[in-house]
């Protein structure tokens, strides 16, 4: 719970540009995850293993992108504040 409060505090004190890029990146990652869920739902009807593998791989990509946007956003904001 403490780490979540720290992350929320970091996010609230970020620069506007970094926060804007992070929000758009997270929404893009969410749409990638939704597409993968659509593929996995199609798998339940078609039962093709290749659709399952592609759906799982795209879902992993979406989750990885969410984490990457959050970590890189915090890192860029910290570096920009240290240089100013």
N, C-alpha and C. Protein backbone atom coordinates (compact mmCIF):
# COMPACT_ATOMS: atom_id res chain seq x y z
N UNK A 1 0.83 -1.19 0.00
CA UNK A 1 0.00 0.00 0.00
C UNK A 1 0.87 1.24 0.00
N UNK A 2 1.99 1.19 0.68
CA UNK A 2 2.88 2.34 0.74
C UNK A 2 3.47 2.62 -0.63
N UNK A 3 3.84 1.56 -1.37
CA UNK A 3 4.41 1.74 -2.71
C UNK A 3 3.39 2.36 -3.66
N UNK A 4 2.13 1.98 -3.52
CA UNK A 4 1.09 2.55 -4.38
C UNK A 4 0.94 4.04 -4.09
N UNK A 5 1.01 4.42 -2.83
CA UNK A 5 0.92 5.84 -2.47
C UNK A 5 2.11 6.62 -3.03
N UNK A 6 3.29 6.00 -3.00
CA UNK A 6 4.48 6.65 -3.54
C UNK A 6 4.34 6.85 -5.05
N UNK A 7 3.85 5.81 -5.75
CA UNK A 7 3.65 5.93 -7.21
C UNK A 7 2.61 6.98 -7.55
N UNK A 8 1.53 7.03 -6.80
CA UNK A 8 0.50 8.05 -7.05
C UNK A 8 1.05 9.43 -6.80
N UNK A 9 1.85 9.59 -5.76
CA UNK A 9 2.46 10.89 -5.46
C UNK A 9 3.43 11.29 -6.58
N UNK A 10 4.23 10.34 -7.08
CA UNK A 10 5.15 10.62 -8.19
C UNK A 10 4.37 11.04 -9.42
N UNK A 11 3.28 10.33 -9.71
CA UNK A 11 2.48 10.63 -10.89
C UNK A 11 1.85 12.02 -10.78
N UNK A 12 1.41 12.41 -9.60
CA UNK A 12 0.78 13.72 -9.43
C UNK A 12 1.77 14.87 -9.53
N UNK A 13 3.05 14.61 -9.26
CA UNK A 13 4.04 15.68 -9.31
C UNK A 13 4.84 15.70 -10.61
N UNK A 14 4.44 14.90 -11.59
CA UNK A 14 5.16 14.85 -12.88
C UNK A 14 4.88 16.09 -13.71
N UNK A 15 5.79 16.33 -14.66
CA UNK A 15 5.57 17.40 -15.62
C UNK A 15 4.41 17.03 -16.53
N UNK A 16 3.77 18.04 -17.10
CA UNK A 16 2.57 17.83 -17.89
C UNK A 16 2.87 17.00 -19.14
N UNK A 17 3.99 17.27 -19.82
CA UNK A 17 4.31 16.54 -21.05
C UNK A 17 4.55 15.06 -20.78
N UNK A 18 5.28 14.76 -19.74
CA UNK A 18 5.58 13.37 -19.40
C UNK A 18 4.30 12.65 -19.00
N UNK A 19 3.46 13.32 -18.21
CA UNK A 19 2.20 12.72 -17.79
C UNK A 19 1.30 12.47 -18.99
N UNK A 20 1.29 13.39 -19.95
CA UNK A 20 0.48 13.25 -21.16
C UNK A 20 0.93 12.04 -21.98
N UNK A 21 2.24 11.89 -22.16
CA UNK A 21 2.77 10.74 -22.92
C UNK A 21 2.47 9.44 -22.18
N UNK A 22 2.59 9.44 -20.87
CA UNK A 22 2.30 8.24 -20.10
C UNK A 22 0.84 7.82 -20.22
N UNK A 23 -0.06 8.80 -20.15
CA UNK A 23 -1.49 8.48 -20.26
C UNK A 23 -1.82 7.88 -21.61
N UNK A 24 -1.27 8.47 -22.68
CA UNK A 24 -1.54 7.94 -24.01
C UNK A 24 -0.89 6.56 -24.20
N UNK A 25 0.28 6.37 -23.66
CA UNK A 25 0.95 5.07 -23.75
C UNK A 25 0.20 3.98 -23.02
N UNK A 26 -0.30 4.31 -21.84
CA UNK A 26 -1.05 3.33 -21.07
C UNK A 26 -2.38 3.01 -21.76
N UNK A 27 -3.02 4.01 -22.35
CA UNK A 27 -4.27 3.72 -23.06
C UNK A 27 -4.01 2.88 -24.31
N UNK A 28 -2.87 3.11 -25.00
CA UNK A 28 -2.51 2.27 -26.15
C UNK A 28 -2.26 0.83 -25.69
N UNK A 29 -1.57 0.67 -24.59
CA UNK A 29 -1.30 -0.67 -24.06
C UNK A 29 -2.59 -1.37 -23.67
N UNK A 30 -3.53 -0.61 -23.13
CA UNK A 30 -4.82 -1.18 -22.76
C UNK A 30 -5.57 -1.65 -24.01
N UNK A 31 -5.48 -0.89 -25.10
CA UNK A 31 -6.15 -1.31 -26.33
C UNK A 31 -5.48 -2.57 -26.91
N UNK A 32 -4.17 -2.69 -26.77
CA UNK A 32 -3.47 -3.92 -27.20
C UNK A 32 -3.97 -5.10 -26.38
N UNK A 33 -4.13 -4.92 -25.09
CA UNK A 33 -4.64 -6.00 -24.23
C UNK A 33 -6.08 -6.36 -24.61
N UNK A 34 -6.90 -5.37 -24.94
CA UNK A 34 -8.27 -5.66 -25.35
C UNK A 34 -8.29 -6.45 -26.66
N UNK A 35 -7.41 -6.12 -27.59
CA UNK A 35 -7.33 -6.87 -28.84
C UNK A 35 -6.93 -8.32 -28.57
N UNK A 36 -5.99 -8.51 -27.67
CA UNK A 36 -5.57 -9.88 -27.35
C UNK A 36 -6.70 -10.66 -26.67
N UNK A 37 -7.49 -9.99 -25.84
CA UNK A 37 -8.63 -10.66 -25.22
C UNK A 37 -9.66 -11.05 -26.28
N UNK A 38 -9.84 -10.19 -27.29
CA UNK A 38 -10.72 -10.53 -28.40
C UNK A 38 -10.23 -11.78 -29.12
N UNK A 39 -8.92 -11.86 -29.35
CA UNK A 39 -8.37 -13.06 -29.99
C UNK A 39 -8.58 -14.31 -29.12
N UNK A 40 -8.42 -14.16 -27.83
CA UNK A 40 -8.60 -15.31 -26.94
C UNK A 40 -10.07 -15.74 -26.88
N UNK A 41 -10.98 -14.79 -27.01
CA UNK A 41 -12.40 -15.15 -27.09
C UNK A 41 -12.68 -15.88 -28.39
N UNK A 42 -12.06 -15.43 -29.48
CA UNK A 42 -12.21 -16.13 -30.77
C UNK A 42 -11.66 -17.55 -30.66
N UNK A 43 -10.61 -17.73 -29.89
CA UNK A 43 -10.04 -19.07 -29.71
C UNK A 43 -11.05 -20.02 -29.09
N UNK A 44 -11.87 -19.51 -28.17
CA UNK A 44 -12.84 -20.39 -27.52
C UNK A 44 -13.88 -20.91 -28.50
N UNK A 45 -14.07 -20.22 -29.63
CA UNK A 45 -15.01 -20.69 -30.65
C UNK A 45 -14.32 -21.50 -31.75
N UNK A 46 -13.10 -21.12 -32.12
CA UNK A 46 -12.43 -21.74 -33.27
C UNK A 46 -11.55 -22.92 -32.84
N UNK A 47 -10.97 -22.85 -31.66
CA UNK A 47 -10.09 -23.90 -31.11
C UNK A 47 -8.82 -24.13 -31.95
N UNK A 48 -8.26 -23.05 -32.47
CA UNK A 48 -7.00 -23.15 -33.20
C UNK A 48 -5.86 -22.76 -32.26
N UNK A 49 -4.87 -23.64 -32.09
CA UNK A 49 -3.78 -23.34 -31.15
C UNK A 49 -2.97 -22.10 -31.54
N UNK A 50 -2.87 -21.81 -32.82
CA UNK A 50 -2.09 -20.63 -33.24
C UNK A 50 -2.76 -19.34 -32.77
N UNK A 51 -4.08 -19.30 -32.75
CA UNK A 51 -4.78 -18.11 -32.26
C UNK A 51 -4.54 -17.95 -30.77
N UNK A 52 -4.52 -19.07 -30.04
CA UNK A 52 -4.25 -19.01 -28.61
C UNK A 52 -2.85 -18.46 -28.34
N UNK A 53 -1.86 -18.98 -29.06
CA UNK A 53 -0.47 -18.53 -28.86
C UNK A 53 -0.31 -17.05 -29.21
N UNK A 54 -0.92 -16.62 -30.29
CA UNK A 54 -0.84 -15.21 -30.69
C UNK A 54 -1.53 -14.33 -29.65
N UNK A 55 -2.69 -14.77 -29.17
CA UNK A 55 -3.42 -14.00 -28.16
C UNK A 55 -2.64 -13.84 -26.87
N UNK A 56 -2.03 -14.93 -26.41
CA UNK A 56 -1.23 -14.86 -25.18
C UNK A 56 -0.01 -13.98 -25.38
N UNK A 57 0.64 -14.09 -26.55
CA UNK A 57 1.83 -13.28 -26.81
C UNK A 57 1.48 -11.79 -26.86
N UNK A 58 0.37 -11.45 -27.49
CA UNK A 58 -0.04 -10.04 -27.56
C UNK A 58 -0.45 -9.53 -26.19
N UNK A 59 -1.08 -10.39 -25.38
CA UNK A 59 -1.44 -9.98 -24.02
C UNK A 59 -0.20 -9.70 -23.19
N UNK A 60 0.81 -10.55 -23.31
CA UNK A 60 2.08 -10.31 -22.61
C UNK A 60 2.72 -9.01 -23.07
N UNK A 61 2.67 -8.75 -24.37
CA UNK A 61 3.20 -7.49 -24.90
C UNK A 61 2.48 -6.29 -24.31
N UNK A 62 1.16 -6.36 -24.23
CA UNK A 62 0.38 -5.25 -23.68
C UNK A 62 0.73 -4.97 -22.23
N UNK A 63 0.85 -6.03 -21.43
CA UNK A 63 1.21 -5.84 -20.02
C UNK A 63 2.63 -5.30 -19.88
N UNK A 64 3.54 -5.79 -20.73
CA UNK A 64 4.91 -5.30 -20.71
C UNK A 64 4.95 -3.80 -21.05
N UNK A 65 4.15 -3.40 -22.03
CA UNK A 65 4.13 -1.99 -22.42
C UNK A 65 3.60 -1.10 -21.31
N UNK A 66 2.60 -1.56 -20.57
CA UNK A 66 2.08 -0.77 -19.44
C UNK A 66 3.19 -0.51 -18.43
N UNK A 67 3.89 -1.57 -18.06
CA UNK A 67 4.97 -1.44 -17.07
C UNK A 67 6.08 -0.56 -17.60
N UNK A 68 6.40 -0.73 -18.89
CA UNK A 68 7.48 0.07 -19.47
C UNK A 68 7.13 1.55 -19.52
N UNK A 69 5.90 1.89 -19.89
CA UNK A 69 5.51 3.30 -19.91
C UNK A 69 5.56 3.91 -18.52
N UNK A 70 5.15 3.15 -17.51
CA UNK A 70 5.17 3.69 -16.15
C UNK A 70 6.61 3.89 -15.68
N UNK A 71 7.45 2.90 -15.84
CA UNK A 71 8.83 3.00 -15.36
C UNK A 71 9.61 4.06 -16.13
N UNK A 72 9.48 4.06 -17.45
CA UNK A 72 10.21 5.05 -18.25
C UNK A 72 9.70 6.46 -17.99
N UNK A 73 8.41 6.61 -17.77
CA UNK A 73 7.86 7.94 -17.45
C UNK A 73 8.43 8.48 -16.15
N UNK A 74 8.50 7.62 -15.14
CA UNK A 74 9.07 8.04 -13.86
C UNK A 74 10.56 8.36 -14.02
N UNK A 75 11.27 7.54 -14.80
CA UNK A 75 12.70 7.77 -14.99
C UNK A 75 12.96 9.08 -15.74
N UNK A 76 12.22 9.33 -16.80
CA UNK A 76 12.42 10.57 -17.57
C UNK A 76 12.08 11.78 -16.72
N UNK A 77 11.00 11.71 -15.95
CA UNK A 77 10.64 12.84 -15.10
C UNK A 77 11.70 13.10 -14.03
N UNK A 78 12.25 12.04 -13.45
CA UNK A 78 13.30 12.19 -12.43
C UNK A 78 14.55 12.80 -13.04
N UNK A 79 14.93 12.36 -14.22
CA UNK A 79 16.12 12.91 -14.88
C UNK A 79 15.91 14.37 -15.25
N UNK A 80 14.72 14.72 -15.76
CA UNK A 80 14.45 16.11 -16.12
C UNK A 80 14.48 17.01 -14.89
N UNK A 81 13.98 16.52 -13.75
CA UNK A 81 14.00 17.34 -12.53
C UNK A 81 15.42 17.50 -12.00
N UNK A 82 16.26 16.49 -12.15
CA UNK A 82 17.64 16.59 -11.68
C UNK A 82 18.46 17.53 -12.56
N UNK A 83 18.15 17.59 -13.86
CA UNK A 83 18.90 18.48 -14.76
C UNK A 83 18.47 19.94 -14.61
N UNK A 84 17.25 20.18 -14.11
CA UNK A 84 16.77 21.56 -13.97
C UNK A 84 17.30 22.23 -12.72
